[in-house]
């Protein structure tokens, strides 16, 4: 049995065919999980649960979004507002 590796990437940043051709990804690589999330922190939390890792720890603490949408975001992390 070969080695096991995980790659986590946003769909709009990853060109799987090109990465396989260039040897960045193994030619036998396949999609294991597809995660839809509003923020990087949410995606990583789901990913950690799916693959059995310890709970994801965010960078810094959450704060209310300055856009006034009522959501929380992580300014020391991705800084992404979910809305």
Protein backbone atom coordinates (compact mmCIF):
# COMPACT_ATOMS: atom_id res chain seq x y z
CA UNK A 1 0.00 0.00 0.00
CA UNK A 2 1.25 3.50 -0.89
CA UNK A 3 1.62 6.56 1.21
CA UNK A 4 -1.40 8.54 2.39
CA UNK A 5 -1.53 12.30 1.97
CA UNK A 6 -4.25 14.88 2.38
CA UNK A 7 -4.57 18.10 0.44
CA UNK A 8 -7.01 20.76 1.56
CA UNK A 9 -7.76 23.51 -0.91
CA UNK A 10 -10.50 25.88 -1.94
CA UNK A 11 -12.10 24.69 -5.18
CA UNK A 12 -11.44 27.94 -7.02
CA UNK A 13 -7.71 27.74 -6.23
CA UNK A 14 -7.03 24.20 -7.31
CA UNK A 15 -6.66 22.89 -10.84
CA UNK A 16 -6.52 19.15 -10.21
CA UNK A 17 -5.72 18.12 -13.78
CA UNK A 18 -2.86 20.58 -14.05
CA UNK A 19 -1.50 19.57 -10.62
CA UNK A 20 -1.57 15.90 -11.62
CA UNK A 21 0.19 16.62 -14.92
CA UNK A 22 2.87 18.70 -13.18
CA UNK A 23 3.46 16.05 -10.51
CA UNK A 24 2.20 18.27 -7.69
CA UNK A 25 -0.52 15.71 -6.96
CA UNK A 26 -0.23 11.97 -7.37
CA UNK A 27 -1.85 10.79 -10.62
CA UNK A 28 -4.06 8.43 -8.60
CA UNK A 29 -5.35 11.17 -6.26
CA UNK A 30 -9.10 11.42 -5.86
CA UNK A 31 -11.66 13.57 -4.12
CA UNK A 32 -12.34 12.31 -0.61
CA UNK A 33 -14.61 15.02 0.78
CA UNK A 34 -16.26 18.09 -0.65
CA UNK A 35 -16.99 20.73 1.97
CA UNK A 36 -19.18 23.76 1.46
CA UNK A 37 -18.59 26.46 4.06
CA UNK A 38 -18.95 30.20 4.45
CA UNK A 39 -15.50 30.81 5.93
CA UNK A 40 -12.10 29.17 6.12
CA UNK A 41 -12.60 28.53 9.84
CA UNK A 42 -15.91 26.75 9.23
CA UNK A 43 -14.36 24.62 6.46
CA UNK A 44 -11.41 23.62 8.61
CA UNK A 45 -13.70 22.72 11.53
CA UNK A 46 -15.71 20.39 9.28
CA UNK A 47 -12.55 18.95 7.72
CA UNK A 48 -11.05 18.12 11.13
CA UNK A 49 -14.26 16.31 12.11
CA UNK A 50 -14.42 14.35 8.84
CA UNK A 51 -10.86 13.03 8.95
CA UNK A 52 -10.81 12.38 12.70
CA UNK A 53 -8.39 15.11 13.75
CA UNK A 54 -8.66 16.96 17.05
CA UNK A 55 -11.06 19.95 16.95
CA UNK A 56 -9.80 22.82 14.82
CA UNK A 57 -8.35 25.73 16.78
CA UNK A 58 -8.90 29.16 15.29
CA UNK A 59 -6.36 31.97 15.30
CA UNK A 60 -7.56 34.37 17.97
CA UNK A 61 -11.08 34.78 19.22
CA UNK A 62 -14.24 35.65 17.34
CA UNK A 63 -15.64 39.17 17.16
CA UNK A 64 -18.84 40.66 15.80
CA UNK A 65 -18.56 41.51 12.12
CA UNK A 66 -17.90 45.23 11.55
CA UNK A 67 -20.27 45.17 8.53
CA UNK A 68 -23.20 44.99 10.95
CA UNK A 69 -24.53 41.69 9.60
CA UNK A 70 -24.73 40.15 13.09
CA UNK A 71 -22.27 37.35 12.28
CA UNK A 72 -19.04 36.51 14.03
CA UNK A 73 -15.68 36.36 12.29
CA UNK A 74 -12.03 35.79 13.20
CA UNK A 75 -10.02 38.97 12.52
CA UNK A 76 -6.73 37.28 13.49
CA UNK A 77 -7.54 34.33 11.20
CA UNK A 78 -9.07 34.60 7.74
CA UNK A 79 -10.93 37.82 8.52
CA UNK A 80 -13.80 36.53 6.36
CA UNK A 81 -17.35 37.57 7.12
CA UNK A 82 -19.75 34.69 6.35
CA UNK A 83 -22.16 37.09 4.61
